[in-house]
Amino acid sequence: MPSWRTTLTSAGISGPRLRDDYTYAARRVLRREPAPYLTLRLLAAPPLVPWLAAGLAFMNRVDDVAETGTPDERAAGLAALGAAVHRALETGDSPDPLLRAYAHAVGSRGLPTEWIFRFLDGAATQEAVFDGFAAEEDFQAYLDAYAWPGVLAFTGLQYPGGPDAEQAAAWRRFVDAAQRVDFLADLSGDLADGRLCIPRARLAEHSVTRADLEQARDTPGVRELLAAECGRARAALAAADGILDLTEPGLRPVAVTMTELMGHQLTAVEKAGVGALRKDVGYGLVAPLSTLARARARRPRTAK
């Protein structure tokens, strides 16, 4: 793995201030999400790493503002962040080193700002005021407004000029699977925080109440509901298989790893059953290390 200095140089990022900005963004990702950061550093082609690190740092910043504080504080925070992002993209400058790095990445890679503004709008209209889903249609609206543009505000930086329609659609399928697996893996913590991420209509289909889930009741209805949700996630994961063909070669080892880890986590949720209501289902330590080792071994030596 090349040094961070060499990685910045390989991406054509020069000038002390700009290099410091990207370093700031990368360190923020490392502190908040060490596993994705290490996956990028170990597996992605070095010239892509700074752009994607800045994109992931930006996505995390928006998520954090949308999920922190009272509804009024979230709304105010997102309004202020949105204004700061607009200025950074228009001028290429900002008092915030993370936004400076991200604005530079967006301009350098030619990512259409439509995805960024859709993400910010979705953060305000979906995530910051989230109160669950009435039905599957609401979940799909959440993906369209928030999760999908959020992923493309990050992964879209892999494509010079941004993703085309086919590439964007592939990431839409990917995020459908990823969100379903994430919601299932985080059921216990989300319920403890007052978030129910399974559509209420599906609880009704199995005669399950919210209290049944919050109290982790081991009933036939609860087991059937969780099994059905895992089945939907498994189908969505299968539908996302084509993402590899539409990922830039330098990022394919990362996409393979992300997909394998999602599959591993979903299997863990399936095995946990009602236990997923008592404790969030993580990756563990062995599976991520094994997956990274296999992906590293498969990574083409010519990837640059």
Protein backbone atom coordinates (compact mmCIF):
# COMPACT_ATOMS: atom_id res chain seq x y z
CA MET A 1 0.00 0.00 0.00
CA PRO A 2 1.54 3.34 -1.02
CA SER A 3 1.99 6.09 1.55
CA TRP A 4 -0.72 8.73 1.86
CA ARG A 5 1.65 11.33 0.35
CA THR A 6 2.22 9.11 -2.67
CA THR A 7 -1.52 8.43 -2.93
CA LEU A 8 -2.26 12.16 -3.06
CA THR A 9 0.39 12.67 -5.70
CA SER A 10 -0.98 9.79 -7.81
CA ALA A 11 -4.35 11.59 -7.88
CA GLY A 12 -2.71 14.80 -9.05
CA ILE A 13 -3.47 16.63 -5.82
CA SER A 14 -0.81 19.26 -5.27
CA GLY A 15 -0.31 22.31 -3.09
CA PRO A 16 0.13 22.15 0.68
CA ARG A 17 -3.31 23.51 1.59
CA LEU A 18 -5.21 21.19 -0.74
CA ARG A 19 -3.21 18.16 0.35
CA ASP A 20 -3.92 19.09 3.98
CA ASP A 21 -7.64 19.37 3.15
CA TYR A 22 -7.76 15.86 1.72
CA THR A 23 -5.75 14.57 4.67
CA TYR A 24 -8.25 16.16 7.05
CA ALA A 25 -11.16 14.50 5.21
CA ALA A 26 -9.43 11.11 5.18
CA ARG A 27 -8.65 11.28 8.89
CA ARG A 28 -12.28 12.10 9.64
CA VAL A 29 -13.36 8.97 7.77
CA LEU A 30 -10.72 6.89 9.58
CA ARG A 31 -12.00 8.05 12.97
CA ARG A 32 -15.68 7.53 12.17
CA GLU A 33 -15.58 4.49 9.88
CA PRO A 34 -12.22 2.74 10.04
CA ALA A 35 -13.38 -0.37 8.12
CA PRO A 36 -14.50 1.49 4.96
CA TYR A 37 -11.41 3.68 5.11
CA LEU A 38 -9.06 0.71 5.32
CA THR A 39 -10.97 -1.04 2.54
CA LEU A 40 -10.42 1.97 0.28
CA ARG A 41 -6.75 2.27 1.19
CA LEU A 42 -6.02 -1.42 0.76
CA LEU A 43 -8.11 -2.24 -2.30
CA ALA A 44 -8.93 0.82 -4.41
CA ALA A 45 -6.56 2.07 -7.11
CA PRO A 46 -4.49 4.80 -5.39
CA PRO A 47 -5.53 7.64 -7.77
CA LEU A 48 -9.17 7.09 -6.75
CA VAL A 49 -8.61 6.97 -3.02
CA PRO A 50 -8.41 10.72 -2.19
CA TRP A 51 -11.53 11.53 -4.23
CA LEU A 52 -13.53 8.76 -2.60
CA ALA A 53 -12.26 9.55 0.88
CA ALA A 54 -13.46 13.13 0.46
CA GLY A 55 -16.80 11.85 -0.84
CA LEU A 56 -17.27 9.47 2.07
CA ALA A 57 -16.34 12.21 4.54
CA PHE A 58 -18.97 14.47 2.98
CA MET A 59 -21.65 11.76 3.04
CA ASN A 60 -20.87 11.13 6.72
CA ARG A 61 -21.07 14.84 7.52
CA VAL A 62 -24.55 15.11 6.02
CA ASP A 63 -25.69 11.95 7.82
CA ASP A 64 -24.39 13.22 11.14
CA VAL A 65 -26.15 16.59 10.85
CA ALA A 66 -29.41 14.93 9.77
CA GLU A 67 -29.36 12.56 12.74
CA THR A 68 -28.16 14.80 15.58
CA GLY A 69 -30.25 16.97 17.89
CA THR A 70 -33.91 17.95 17.98
CA PRO A 71 -35.93 18.25 14.75
CA ASP A 72 -35.43 22.02 14.81
CA GLU A 73 -31.69 21.64 15.38
CA ARG A 74 -31.46 19.15 12.53
CA ALA A 75 -33.34 21.46 10.17
CA ALA A 76 -31.19 24.44 11.10
CA GLY A 77 -28.00 22.41 10.81
CA LEU A 78 -28.91 21.10 7.38
CA ALA A 79 -29.89 24.56 6.15
CA ALA A 80 -26.54 25.94 7.26
CA LEU A 81 -24.65 23.00 5.77
CA GLY A 82 -26.56 23.30 2.49
CA ALA A 83 -25.67 26.98 2.21
CA ALA A 84 -22.02 26.23 2.96
CA VAL A 85 -21.96 23.45 0.33
CA HIS A 86 -23.50 25.76 -2.29
CA ARG A 87 -20.84 28.38 -1.62
CA ALA A 88 -18.03 25.83 -1.68
CA LEU A 89 -19.18 24.38 -5.00
CA GLU A 90 -19.65 27.83 -6.56
CA THR A 91 -16.36 29.34 -5.37
CA GLY A 92 -14.16 26.30 -4.80
CA ASP A 93 -13.38 27.64 -1.35
CA SER A 94 -14.74 27.29 2.19
CA PRO A 95 -13.62 27.86 5.79
CA ASP A 96 -14.24 24.11 6.24
CA PRO A 97 -11.35 21.92 4.99
CA LEU A 98 -13.70 18.98 4.43
CA LEU A 99 -15.92 21.05 2.13
CA ARG A 100 -12.88 22.46 0.35
CA ALA A 101 -11.65 18.95 -0.37
CA TYR A 102 -15.08 17.77 -1.47
CA ALA A 103 -15.69 20.77 -3.72
CA HIS A 104 -12.30 20.17 -5.33
CA ALA A 105 -13.11 16.47 -5.83
CA VAL A 106 -16.49 17.28 -7.40
CA GLY A 107 -14.95 19.82 -9.75
CA SER A 108 -11.99 17.66 -10.66
CA ARG A 109 -14.07 14.56 -11.35
CA GLY A 110 -16.98 16.39 -12.98
CA LEU A 111 -19.65 14.92 -10.68
CA PRO A 112 -23.01 16.55 -11.53
CA THR A 113 -24.11 18.65 -8.57
CA GLU A 114 -27.65 17.35 -9.02
CA TRP A 115 -26.74 14.32 -6.91
CA ILE A 116 -25.34 16.50 -4.12
CA PHE A 117 -28.35 18.79 -3.93
CA ARG A 118 -30.75 15.85 -4.09
CA PHE A 119 -28.86 14.29 -1.19
CA LEU A 120 -29.06 17.46 0.89
CA ASP A 121 -32.76 17.87 0.12
CA GLY A 122 -33.41 14.24 1.02
CA ALA A 123 -31.54 14.65 4.29
CA ALA A 124 -33.99 17.41 5.25
CA THR A 125 -37.20 15.85 3.93
CA GLN A 126 -36.54 12.20 4.80
CA GLU A 127 -33.78 11.46 7.31
CA ALA A 128 -34.09 14.47 9.62
CA VAL A 129 -37.84 13.90 10.07
CA PHE A 130 -37.82 10.10 9.85
CA ASP A 131 -40.75 8.44 11.61
CA GLY A 132 -40.77 5.06 9.92
CA PHE A 133 -42.35 3.69 6.77
CA ALA A 134 -46.05 3.02 6.35
CA ALA A 135 -45.47 0.69 3.39
CA GLU A 136 -42.88 -0.47 0.84
CA GLU A 137 -43.61 2.60 -1.30
CA ASP A 138 -42.36 4.84 1.50
CA PHE A 139 -39.15 2.85 1.78
CA GLN A 140 -38.58 3.22 -1.96
CA ALA A 141 -39.23 6.96 -1.71
CA TYR A 142 -36.63 7.15 1.05
CA LEU A 143 -34.10 5.43 -1.19
CA ASP A 144 -34.83 7.73 -4.13
CA ALA A 145 -34.68 10.92 -2.08
CA TYR A 146 -31.87 10.21 0.37
CA ALA A 147 -29.96 6.91 0.30
CA TRP A 148 -29.39 6.69 -3.48
CA PRO A 149 -28.17 10.26 -4.06
CA GLY A 150 -26.10 9.97 -0.89
CA VAL A 151 -24.27 6.94 -2.22
CA LEU A 152 -23.70 8.63 -5.60
CA ALA A 153 -22.44 11.82 -3.94
CA PHE A 154 -19.66 9.47 -2.77
CA THR A 155 -19.24 6.60 -5.26
CA GLY A 156 -20.11 8.81 -8.24
CA LEU A 157 -16.64 10.32 -7.93
CA GLN A 158 -15.14 7.15 -9.40
CA TYR A 159 -16.54 8.08 -12.84
CA PRO A 160 -15.01 10.95 -14.82
CA GLY A 161 -18.00 13.18 -15.57
CA GLY A 162 -20.20 11.29 -13.11
CA PRO A 163 -22.21 8.08 -13.54
CA ASP A 164 -24.27 7.48 -16.67
CA ALA A 165 -27.87 6.30 -16.41
CA GLU A 166 -26.97 2.60 -16.37
CA GLN A 167 -24.28 3.05 -13.73
CA ALA A 168 -26.58 5.16 -11.57
CA ALA A 169 -29.34 2.53 -11.85
CA ALA A 170 -26.91 -0.18 -10.75
CA TRP A 171 -26.03 1.80 -7.62
CA ARG A 172 -29.76 2.25 -6.99
CA ARG A 173 -30.11 -1.55 -6.86
CA PHE A 174 -27.02 -1.77 -4.66
CA VAL A 175 -28.33 0.76 -2.16
CA ASP A 176 -31.70 -1.03 -2.00
CA ALA A 177 -29.89 -4.16 -0.84
CA ALA A 178 -27.48 -2.32 1.43
CA GLN A 179 -30.25 -0.41 3.19
CA ARG A 180 -32.34 -3.53 3.78
CA VAL A 181 -29.37 -5.39 5.27
CA ASP A 182 -28.37 -2.37 7.37
CA PHE A 183 -31.87 -1.94 8.77
CA LEU A 184 -32.03 -5.62 9.73
CA ALA A 185 -28.55 -5.65 11.28
CA ASP A 186 -29.34 -2.51 13.31
CA LEU A 187 -32.86 -3.48 14.40
CA SER A 188 -32.08 -3.57 18.12
CA GLY A 189 -30.27 -0.22 18.23
CA ASP A 190 -32.78 1.50 15.98
CA LEU A 191 -35.71 0.33 18.10
CA ALA A 192 -33.91 1.52 21.23
CA ASP A 193 -33.56 4.93 19.56
CA GLY A 194 -37.24 5.01 18.65
CA ARG A 195 -36.74 4.12 14.97
CA LEU A 196 -38.80 1.37 13.38
CA CYS A 197 -37.35 0.69 9.92
CA ILE A 198 -39.62 -2.18 8.84
CA PRO A 199 -42.74 -0.89 7.05
CA ARG A 200 -45.72 -0.92 9.38
CA ALA A 201 -47.88 -2.63 6.74
CA ARG A 202 -45.63 -5.68 6.92
CA LEU A 203 -45.97 -5.87 10.69
CA ALA A 204 -49.74 -5.93 10.18
CA GLU A 205 -49.43 -8.73 7.59
CA HIS A 206 -47.91 -10.95 10.30
CA SER A 207 -50.07 -9.65 13.18
CA VAL A 208 -46.96 -8.21 14.85
CA THR A 209 -47.00 -5.03 16.92
CA ARG A 210 -44.21 -2.56 17.48
CA ALA A 211 -44.18 -3.60 21.13
CA ASP A 212 -43.53 -7.20 20.04
CA LEU A 213 -40.35 -6.03 18.34
CA GLU A 214 -39.28 -3.62 21.06
CA GLN A 215 -39.64 -6.36 23.67
CA ALA A 216 -38.03 -8.99 21.39
CA ARG A 217 -40.95 -11.37 21.78
CA ASP A 218 -40.22 -14.78 20.30
CA THR A 219 -43.56 -15.46 18.61
CA PRO A 220 -44.42 -17.23 15.34
CA GLY A 221 -45.48 -13.90 13.83
CA VAL A 222 -42.20 -12.19 14.77
CA ARG A 223 -40.17 -15.09 13.38
CA GLU A 224 -42.16 -15.08 10.15
CA LEU A 225 -41.78 -11.31 9.79
CA LEU A 226 -38.02 -11.40 10.26
CA ALA A 227 -37.65 -14.34 7.89
CA ALA A 228 -39.69 -12.51 5.25
CA GLU A 229 -37.58 -9.35 5.64
CA CYS A 230 -34.39 -11.38 5.31
CA GLY A 231 -35.82 -12.96 2.17
CA ARG A 232 -36.47 -9.53 0.66
CA ALA A 233 -32.94 -8.45 1.53
CA ARG A 234 -31.50 -11.63 0.00
CA ALA A 235 -33.44 -11.02 -3.23
CA ALA A 236 -32.29 -7.41 -3.35
CA LEU A 237 -28.69 -8.51 -2.85
CA ALA A 238 -28.99 -10.94 -5.76
CA ALA A 239 -30.46 -8.16 -7.92
CA ALA A 240 -27.40 -6.00 -7.18
CA ASP A 241 -24.94 -8.52 -8.66
CA GLY A 242 -24.46 -6.48 -11.83
CA ILE A 243 -22.78 -3.64 -9.94
CA LEU A 244 -19.33 -5.06 -10.60
CA ASP A 245 -19.63 -4.75 -14.37
CA LEU A 246 -20.54 -1.08 -13.98
CA THR A 247 -17.87 -0.16 -11.45
CA GLU A 248 -14.59 1.42 -12.56
CA PRO A 249 -11.83 -1.23 -12.60
CA GLY A 250 -9.90 0.54 -9.87
CA LEU A 251 -12.84 0.26 -7.48
CA ARG A 252 -14.05 -3.27 -8.32
CA PRO A 253 -12.13 -4.97 -5.47
CA VAL A 254 -13.91 -2.61 -3.06
CA ALA A 255 -17.32 -3.37 -4.58
CA VAL A 256 -16.63 -7.12 -4.33
CA THR A 257 -15.68 -6.75 -0.68
CA MET A 258 -18.71 -4.60 0.17
CA THR A 259 -21.03 -7.13 -1.48
CA GLU A 260 -19.42 -10.10 0.27
CA LEU A 261 -19.63 -8.39 3.65
CA MET A 262 -23.30 -7.57 3.12
CA GLY A 263 -23.96 -11.21 2.36
CA HIS A 264 -22.05 -12.28 5.46
CA GLN A 265 -23.96 -9.84 7.66
CA LEU A 266 -27.31 -10.92 6.25
CA THR A 267 -26.44 -14.55 6.97
CA ALA A 268 -25.61 -13.55 10.54
CA VAL A 269 -29.01 -11.83 10.87
CA GLU A 270 -30.76 -14.93 9.50
CA LYS A 271 -28.95 -17.10 12.05
CA ALA A 272 -29.71 -14.69 14.89
CA GLY A 273 -33.45 -14.73 14.21
CA VAL A 274 -35.28 -13.04 17.08
CA GLY A 275 -31.89 -12.44 18.67
CA ALA A 276 -31.42 -9.57 16.18
CA LEU A 277 -34.06 -7.71 18.21
CA ARG A 278 -31.91 -8.00 21.34
CA LYS A 279 -28.51 -7.07 19.95
CA ASP A 280 -27.32 -5.46 16.73
CA VAL A 281 -25.64 -7.88 14.33
CA GLY A 282 -22.12 -6.75 13.46
CA TYR A 283 -19.56 -8.13 11.05
CA GLY A 284 -17.39 -9.56 13.78
CA LEU A 285 -13.63 -9.56 13.28
CA VAL A 286 -12.77 -12.74 11.40
CA ALA A 287 -15.10 -12.29 8.42
CA PRO A 288 -13.96 -8.75 7.47
CA LEU A 289 -10.29 -9.69 7.81
CA SER A 290 -10.76 -12.84 5.75
CA THR A 291 -12.74 -10.95 3.10
CA LEU A 292 -10.12 -8.21 2.90
CA ALA A 293 -7.32 -10.76 2.62
CA ARG A 294 -9.07 -12.58 -0.22
CA ALA A 295 -9.86 -9.33 -2.01
CA ARG A 296 -6.28 -8.12 -1.59
CA ALA A 297 -5.00 -11.37 -3.09
CA ARG A 298 -7.36 -11.02 -6.05
CA ARG A 299 -6.52 -7.35 -6.65
CA PRO A 300 -4.73 -6.89 -9.99
CA ARG A 301 -1.12 -5.89 -9.52
CA THR A 302 -1.51 -3.44 -12.39
CA ALA A 303 -4.28 -1.45 -10.67
CA LYS A 304 -3.14 2.17 -10.37
